[in-house]
Amino acid sequence: MKKFLIVCLIIALTLVSCKDANPTSQEVVSDRSMIGISVDSLVIERWKKDVNILKASAEALDYDVQVTNCFEDPNIQNDQIKQLVDAGAKAILVIASDKDALDDSLDYANKKNVVIIAYDRLIEHEAVDVYVSFDNVLVGEYMASALLKEVPKGNYVIINGAPQDSNSYMFNTGFYKILNQPVESGDIVILDESWADAWKEEHAYERINQLLEEGHQIDAIIGANDLLAEGITSALAEHGLVGEIPLVGHDAEISACQRIVEGKQLMTVYKPINQLAEGAIEVMEKLLTNKELSTSESIQGVPYIKFPVIAVNKDNMRETVIKDLFHSEEDIYRNVE
C-alpha cells in the first residue's frame, strides 16, 4: 500500500512538472485571447455586416470575441467598454455612439493599456491607438459630384449626418469641396441644411416634408447616408415626387440599391466593408504584437488608416455591389420587371 502511494505521488509530481515546463497552446495565447467590439447600434444594416466580418476575422486568429451594443446610448457604451476591460480584453474596436462622450471609459482603458481602435468613426482621445475608416471626404465628394452633374443649377437641400459623429463633418467637407464654386457663382443655392441627430431618418422625413408643405422649390437633395435617403424618399412619396427630385446617399444599403435601379435614387457610395473589417483586425494584431503600422496619415493627432470607396449608380451596380457579393442581383432587382 505504501509503495502504491509513493508511485502515485511521483506520477502527480511528474505531471505538475510537465505542465509547468510545457504550457498548452491555450495558455500561451491566454494573455491576448479576448478582444471586444463595442457597437453604437445594430439597427443600421451595414453595422451588422461589419460586426459579423470583424468577429469572423478575429476568431480566425484564435481570439475570443465579445460584442456589446449600447443602443445609441453613450452612457451605456461607457459602462460596456469598462466591462470589456474588466473582462480582460486586450483590444477593443469602438464604433462610437458619441465622439465626445467616451472620455470616462477610454481613460479607464488607457490606464489598463488596452489597445483602442476607433472603427469607422473618429474619436479624438489619447487612448485611441488608430482610426481605421474609409476616405470619408471622398465619400462626400462623390455624392456632391454626381448630384452636380445631374443638376448643375438649382436649389439644393443637405441633410447631414449626426453631429455626434466625426464622419458627418468629413462628408460635409467633401460636399462643399465640390459645391463651393457653384454656390459662390450663384448656380447652386443651398435652400436648407440641417443635421440629423443620431442619424435618425425621421429628421430627414420631417425636414423635407416641411419644406415641401411650405411650397419651396427643391431641385436636388443630399441625404448623408442611405437611411436618411430612405426618410427623404418617404417624404417625397407623400408629395408624388419620388424620382422627380434627384437624391443621393451612401452606404449601398439594399433598399438604396433597389431605389437606384428603380429610378428613385440617383446614386450611393459603396464601402467595401470586407476590406475595412479584415484590415482593422490586421491592424489590431500588429498593435498587439508591437509591429509598426504602415500609415503616415493622421487626423486630429490620431493615426489614420484609410480605405477606398466606390461611387455606385444604375450603370455599374453589377460590376461593384453585386460582383463583390455585397447584395445579390435577385434582391436588388426584385421590384424591376
Protein backbone atom coordinates (compact mmCIF):
# COMPACT_ATOMS: atom_id res chain seq x y z
CA MET A 1 0.00 0.00 0.00
CA LYS A 2 2.84 2.36 0.93
CA LYS A 3 4.61 1.62 -2.39
CA PHE A 4 1.39 2.36 -4.26
CA LEU A 5 1.04 5.77 -2.58
CA ILE A 6 4.66 6.64 -3.37
CA VAL A 7 4.16 5.73 -7.05
CA CYS A 8 1.00 7.92 -7.21
CA LEU A 9 2.88 10.82 -5.63
CA ILE A 10 5.72 10.52 -8.16
CA ILE A 11 3.26 10.45 -11.09
CA ALA A 12 1.44 13.51 -9.75
CA LEU A 13 4.67 15.47 -9.30
CA THR A 14 5.78 14.48 -12.80
CA LEU A 15 2.50 15.72 -14.31
CA VAL A 16 2.78 19.04 -12.47
CA SER A 17 6.37 19.43 -13.62
CA CYS A 18 5.47 18.68 -17.24
CA LYS A 19 2.61 21.14 -17.11
CA ASP A 20 4.88 23.93 -15.88
CA ALA A 21 7.57 23.18 -18.43
CA ASN A 22 5.25 22.74 -21.42
CA PRO A 23 2.24 25.06 -21.24
CA THR A 24 -0.54 24.29 -23.66
CA SER A 25 -1.12 26.46 -26.70
CA GLN A 26 -4.26 27.76 -25.00
CA GLU A 27 -2.20 29.00 -22.06
CA VAL A 28 0.38 30.61 -24.34
CA VAL A 29 -2.20 32.88 -26.03
CA SER A 30 -4.40 33.44 -22.99
CA ASP A 31 -2.94 36.87 -22.31
CA ARG A 32 -4.19 38.14 -25.70
CA SER A 33 -7.11 35.82 -26.37
CA MET A 34 -10.08 38.12 -25.80
CA ILE A 35 -11.00 41.26 -27.71
CA GLY A 36 -14.09 43.44 -27.59
CA ILE A 37 -16.25 45.09 -30.23
CA SER A 38 -18.24 48.00 -28.82
CA VAL A 39 -21.09 48.90 -31.18
CA ASP A 40 -23.22 52.02 -31.26
CA SER A 41 -26.23 50.23 -32.73
CA LEU A 42 -27.16 47.28 -34.88
CA VAL A 43 -30.21 48.96 -36.41
CA ILE A 44 -28.26 50.17 -39.45
CA GLU A 45 -27.81 47.28 -41.88
CA ARG A 46 -24.12 47.84 -42.53
CA TRP A 47 -23.07 47.63 -38.86
CA LYS A 48 -24.44 44.10 -38.74
CA LYS A 49 -22.23 43.20 -41.70
CA ASP A 50 -19.18 44.90 -40.14
CA VAL A 51 -19.59 43.10 -36.83
CA ASN A 52 -20.01 39.70 -38.48
CA ILE A 53 -16.83 40.16 -40.53
CA LEU A 54 -14.84 41.61 -37.61
CA LYS A 55 -15.87 38.70 -35.40
CA ALA A 56 -15.10 36.04 -38.01
CA SER A 57 -11.72 37.61 -38.85
CA ALA A 58 -10.69 37.80 -35.20
CA GLU A 59 -11.87 34.27 -34.45
CA ALA A 60 -9.82 33.03 -37.41
CA LEU A 61 -6.78 34.31 -35.49
CA ASP A 62 -7.90 32.37 -32.37
CA TYR A 63 -9.27 35.36 -30.48
CA ASP A 64 -12.37 35.11 -28.37
CA VAL A 65 -14.69 37.99 -29.24
CA GLN A 66 -17.23 39.77 -27.07
CA VAL A 67 -19.67 42.14 -28.80
CA THR A 68 -21.64 44.81 -26.96
CA ASN A 69 -24.44 47.02 -28.28
CA CYS A 70 -25.24 50.28 -26.46
CA PHE A 71 -28.37 51.08 -28.49
CA GLU A 72 -27.09 54.59 -29.27
CA ASP A 73 -26.64 55.48 -25.59
CA PRO A 74 -23.11 56.79 -24.78
CA ASN A 75 -23.62 56.22 -21.05
CA ILE A 76 -24.28 52.55 -21.69
CA GLN A 77 -21.32 52.43 -24.07
CA ASN A 78 -19.03 53.83 -21.38
CA ASP A 79 -20.17 51.11 -18.98
CA GLN A 80 -19.80 48.40 -21.62
CA ILE A 81 -16.26 49.44 -22.55
CA LYS A 82 -15.26 49.33 -18.87
CA GLN A 83 -16.84 45.89 -18.57
CA LEU A 84 -14.85 44.67 -21.57
CA VAL A 85 -11.67 45.99 -19.95
CA ASP A 86 -12.50 44.28 -16.66
CA ALA A 87 -13.25 41.05 -18.53
CA GLY A 88 -9.67 41.07 -19.83
CA ALA A 89 -9.99 42.49 -23.32
CA LYS A 90 -6.58 43.25 -24.79
CA ALA A 91 -8.07 45.33 -27.60
CA ILE A 92 -11.43 47.00 -28.19
CA LEU A 93 -12.77 48.17 -31.53
CA VAL A 94 -15.15 51.05 -30.84
CA ILE A 95 -17.95 52.27 -33.10
CA ALA A 96 -18.65 55.40 -31.09
CA SER A 97 -22.18 56.49 -30.26
CA ASP A 98 -20.89 59.99 -29.47
CA LYS A 99 -17.37 61.14 -30.33
CA ASP A 100 -17.27 63.47 -27.31
CA ALA A 101 -18.87 61.29 -24.63
CA LEU A 102 -16.50 58.36 -24.11
CA ASP A 103 -13.66 60.01 -22.16
CA ASP A 104 -14.52 58.15 -18.95
CA SER A 105 -14.23 54.64 -20.36
CA LEU A 106 -11.31 55.48 -22.66
CA ASP A 107 -9.35 56.92 -19.73
CA TYR A 108 -10.06 53.67 -17.88
CA ALA A 109 -8.93 51.54 -20.83
CA ASN A 110 -5.80 53.66 -21.24
CA LYS A 111 -4.75 53.01 -17.65
CA LYS A 112 -5.06 49.28 -18.32
CA ASN A 113 -3.00 49.53 -21.55
CA VAL A 114 -5.85 48.25 -23.70
CA VAL A 115 -5.45 48.80 -27.45
CA ILE A 116 -8.27 51.05 -28.69
CA ILE A 117 -9.23 51.19 -32.36
CA ALA A 118 -11.72 53.84 -33.48
CA TYR A 119 -13.59 51.81 -36.08
CA ASP A 120 -15.05 53.91 -38.91
CA ARG A 121 -15.90 56.76 -36.53
CA LEU A 122 -13.14 59.04 -35.33
CA ILE A 123 -12.66 59.51 -31.58
CA GLU A 124 -10.24 62.25 -30.57
CA HIS A 125 -8.70 60.85 -27.38
CA GLU A 126 -5.18 59.97 -26.30
CA ALA A 127 -6.24 56.38 -25.63
CA VAL A 128 -7.07 55.81 -29.31
CA ASP A 129 -4.21 54.00 -31.00
CA VAL A 130 -5.52 54.26 -34.54
CA TYR A 131 -8.54 55.32 -36.58
CA VAL A 132 -9.47 52.78 -39.27
CA SER A 133 -12.02 54.02 -41.77
CA PHE A 134 -12.77 54.89 -45.36
CA ASP A 135 -11.86 58.06 -47.24
CA ASN A 136 -14.84 59.92 -45.84
CA VAL A 137 -14.12 63.25 -47.52
CA LEU A 138 -14.09 61.41 -50.86
CA VAL A 139 -17.47 59.88 -49.98
CA GLY A 140 -18.90 63.41 -49.77
CA GLU A 141 -17.16 64.45 -52.98
CA TYR A 142 -18.62 61.51 -54.91
CA MET A 143 -22.13 62.31 -53.68
CA ALA A 144 -21.97 66.01 -54.49
CA SER A 145 -20.27 65.41 -57.86
CA ALA A 146 -22.99 63.03 -59.01
CA LEU A 147 -25.70 65.46 -57.97
CA LEU A 148 -23.99 68.46 -59.56
CA LYS A 149 -23.62 66.59 -62.84
CA GLU A 150 -27.34 65.80 -62.80
CA VAL A 151 -28.47 69.21 -61.50
CA PRO A 152 -25.87 71.90 -62.36
CA LYS A 153 -28.21 74.72 -61.32
CA GLY A 154 -30.94 74.95 -58.73
CA ASN A 155 -31.95 74.70 -55.09
CA TYR A 156 -30.17 72.07 -53.03
CA VAL A 157 -31.16 70.65 -49.64
CA ILE A 158 -28.49 68.97 -47.50
CA ILE A 159 -29.42 66.62 -44.67
CA ASN A 160 -26.16 65.98 -42.84
CA GLY A 161 -25.48 63.09 -40.50
CA ALA A 162 -25.28 63.07 -36.73
CA PRO A 163 -23.41 65.94 -35.08
CA GLN A 164 -22.10 63.34 -32.59
CA ASP A 165 -20.27 61.55 -35.43
CA SER A 166 -16.97 62.97 -36.72
CA ASN A 167 -17.58 61.32 -40.07
CA SER A 168 -20.57 63.61 -40.63
CA TYR A 169 -18.22 66.60 -40.75
CA MET A 170 -15.85 64.82 -43.15
CA PHE A 171 -18.74 64.01 -45.51
CA ASN A 172 -19.82 67.64 -45.29
CA THR A 173 -16.29 68.79 -46.12
CA GLY A 174 -16.48 66.61 -49.23
CA PHE A 175 -19.84 68.07 -50.22
CA TYR A 176 -18.51 71.59 -50.13
CA LYS A 177 -15.24 70.80 -51.90
CA ILE A 178 -17.47 70.23 -54.90
CA LEU A 179 -20.26 72.72 -54.22
CA ASN A 180 -18.36 75.80 -53.04
CA GLN A 181 -17.61 77.09 -56.53
CA PRO A 182 -21.14 76.75 -57.97
CA VAL A 183 -22.57 78.17 -54.73
CA GLU A 184 -20.27 81.18 -54.99
CA SER A 185 -21.23 81.69 -58.65
CA GLY A 186 -24.91 81.53 -57.78
CA ASP A 187 -25.65 78.43 -59.88
CA ILE A 188 -26.43 76.45 -56.75
CA VAL A 189 -28.45 77.77 -53.82
CA ILE A 190 -28.36 75.85 -50.53
CA LEU A 191 -32.04 76.21 -49.74
CA ASP A 192 -31.78 74.37 -46.43
CA GLU A 193 -29.15 72.47 -44.47
CA SER A 194 -29.65 70.54 -41.24
CA TRP A 195 -28.09 67.80 -39.10
CA ALA A 196 -29.88 64.57 -38.20
CA ASP A 197 -29.36 63.78 -34.55
CA ALA A 198 -28.19 60.16 -34.14
CA TRP A 199 -28.70 59.65 -37.90
CA LYS A 200 -32.47 59.48 -37.39
CA GLU A 201 -34.34 59.08 -40.67
CA GLU A 202 -37.34 60.75 -39.03
CA HIS A 203 -35.44 64.04 -39.12
CA ALA A 204 -34.89 63.71 -42.87
CA TYR A 205 -38.54 62.85 -43.47
CA GLU A 206 -39.84 65.72 -41.34
CA ARG A 207 -37.47 68.31 -42.80
CA ILE A 208 -38.22 67.53 -46.44
CA ASN A 209 -41.94 67.23 -45.75
CA GLN A 210 -41.95 70.63 -44.05
CA LEU A 211 -40.07 72.32 -46.90
CA LEU A 212 -42.44 70.88 -49.48
CA GLU A 213 -45.52 71.80 -47.49
CA GLU A 214 -44.19 75.35 -47.23
CA GLY A 215 -44.06 75.44 -51.04
CA HIS A 216 -40.30 75.57 -51.54
CA GLN A 217 -38.84 74.54 -54.88
CA ILE A 218 -36.34 71.71 -54.29
CA ASP A 219 -34.21 70.62 -57.24
CA ALA A 220 -31.74 68.21 -55.59
CA ILE A 221 -31.20 66.55 -52.20
CA ILE A 222 -28.18 65.15 -50.39
CA GLY A 223 -29.01 62.62 -47.68
CA ALA A 224 -25.76 61.95 -45.84
CA ASN A 225 -26.42 58.22 -45.78
CA ASP A 226 -28.91 55.79 -47.27
CA LEU A 227 -31.02 55.64 -44.11
CA LEU A 228 -31.57 59.39 -44.33
CA ALA A 229 -32.25 58.98 -48.05
CA GLU A 230 -34.96 56.49 -47.12
CA GLY A 231 -36.64 59.05 -44.87
CA ILE A 232 -36.38 61.62 -47.66
CA THR A 233 -37.94 59.18 -50.12
CA SER A 234 -40.89 58.68 -47.78
CA ALA A 235 -41.47 62.42 -47.70
CA LEU A 236 -41.17 62.71 -51.48
CA ALA A 237 -43.65 59.84 -51.90
CA GLU A 238 -46.30 61.75 -49.96
CA HIS A 239 -45.97 64.60 -52.45
CA GLY A 240 -45.78 62.43 -55.59
CA LEU A 241 -42.15 63.44 -56.20
CA VAL A 242 -40.24 60.16 -55.94
CA GLY A 243 -37.81 60.02 -58.86
CA GLU A 244 -38.61 63.63 -59.79
CA ILE A 245 -36.05 65.22 -57.46
CA PRO A 246 -32.54 63.70 -57.72
CA LEU A 247 -31.41 62.23 -54.40
CA VAL A 248 -28.07 60.80 -53.28
CA GLY A 249 -26.95 58.83 -50.23
CA HIS A 250 -24.19 56.48 -49.20
CA ASP A 251 -23.57 53.02 -47.66
CA ALA A 252 -25.04 50.94 -50.51
CA GLU A 253 -27.81 49.56 -48.29
CA ILE A 254 -30.06 47.07 -50.03
CA SER A 255 -33.03 49.46 -50.01
CA ALA A 256 -30.88 52.18 -51.60
CA CYS A 257 -29.60 49.85 -54.30
CA GLN A 258 -33.20 48.89 -55.04
CA ARG A 259 -34.19 52.56 -55.25
CA ILE A 260 -31.34 53.24 -57.66
CA VAL A 261 -32.28 50.53 -60.16
CA GLU A 262 -35.92 51.59 -59.81
CA GLY A 263 -35.05 55.22 -60.65
CA LYS A 264 -35.90 56.57 -57.19
CA GLN A 265 -32.35 57.46 -56.06
CA LEU A 266 -29.53 58.74 -58.24
CA MET A 267 -26.56 57.03 -56.60
CA THR A 268 -24.93 55.75 -53.44
CA VAL A 269 -21.36 55.16 -52.31
CA TYR A 270 -20.25 51.60 -51.75
CA LYS A 271 -17.79 50.99 -48.95
CA PRO A 272 -16.16 47.54 -49.29
CA ILE A 273 -16.55 46.65 -45.63
CA ASN A 274 -14.82 43.29 -46.08
CA GLN A 275 -11.61 45.23 -46.71
CA LEU A 276 -12.22 47.58 -43.80
CA ALA A 277 -13.15 44.94 -41.23
CA GLU A 278 -10.44 42.48 -42.19
CA GLY A 279 -7.95 45.33 -42.35
CA ALA A 280 -8.96 46.53 -38.88
CA ILE A 281 -8.26 43.10 -37.41
CA GLU A 282 -4.87 43.02 -39.14
CA VAL A 283 -4.11 46.43 -37.64
CA MET A 284 -5.20 45.21 -34.22
CA GLU A 285 -2.93 42.18 -34.49
CA LYS A 286 0.01 44.41 -35.38
CA LEU A 287 -0.64 46.65 -32.40
CA LEU A 288 -0.92 43.68 -30.04
CA THR A 289 2.35 42.23 -31.32
CA ASN A 290 4.17 45.58 -31.35
CA LYS A 291 4.56 45.71 -35.13
CA GLU A 292 4.80 49.01 -36.97
CA LEU A 293 1.70 50.39 -38.66
CA SER A 294 2.07 51.31 -42.31
CA THR A 295 0.49 54.77 -42.37
CA SER A 296 1.84 58.29 -42.50
CA GLU A 297 -1.56 59.95 -42.25
CA SER A 298 -3.21 61.26 -39.12
CA ILE A 299 -6.30 63.24 -38.27
CA GLN A 300 -6.56 65.35 -35.12
CA GLY A 301 -3.38 63.63 -33.96
CA VAL A 302 -4.77 60.10 -34.38
CA PRO A 303 -3.07 57.77 -36.90
CA TYR A 304 -5.49 57.26 -39.79
CA ILE A 305 -5.63 54.16 -41.98
CA LYS A 306 -7.87 54.92 -44.95
CA PHE A 307 -9.67 52.51 -47.28
CA PRO A 308 -11.07 53.36 -50.76
CA VAL A 309 -14.74 53.84 -51.69
CA ILE A 310 -16.69 53.41 -54.93
CA ALA A 311 -19.47 55.57 -56.40
CA VAL A 312 -22.36 53.35 -57.50
CA ASN A 313 -25.25 54.08 -59.83
CA LYS A 314 -27.58 52.02 -62.02
CA ASP A 315 -24.85 51.63 -64.67
CA ASN A 316 -22.20 49.95 -62.51
CA MET A 317 -24.33 48.14 -59.92
CA ARG A 318 -23.45 44.71 -61.29
CA GLU A 319 -19.70 45.46 -61.51
CA THR A 320 -19.48 46.66 -57.91
CA VAL A 321 -22.02 45.72 -55.26
CA ILE A 322 -23.24 42.54 -56.96
CA LYS A 323 -19.79 41.38 -58.10
CA ASP A 324 -18.49 41.69 -54.53
CA LEU A 325 -21.50 39.70 -53.25
CA PHE A 326 -22.42 42.62 -51.02
CA HIS A 327 -26.00 42.15 -52.21
CA SER A 328 -27.45 39.64 -54.63
CA GLU A 329 -28.72 40.60 -58.06
CA GLU A 330 -32.03 38.94 -57.23
CA ASP A 331 -32.53 41.11 -54.15
CA ILE A 332 -31.53 44.35 -55.85
CA TYR A 333 -33.70 43.88 -58.93
CA ARG A 334 -36.60 42.28 -57.04
CA ASN A 335 -39.05 45.04 -58.00
CA VAL A 336 -37.78 45.63 -61.53
CA GLU A 337 -39.62 43.89 -64.36
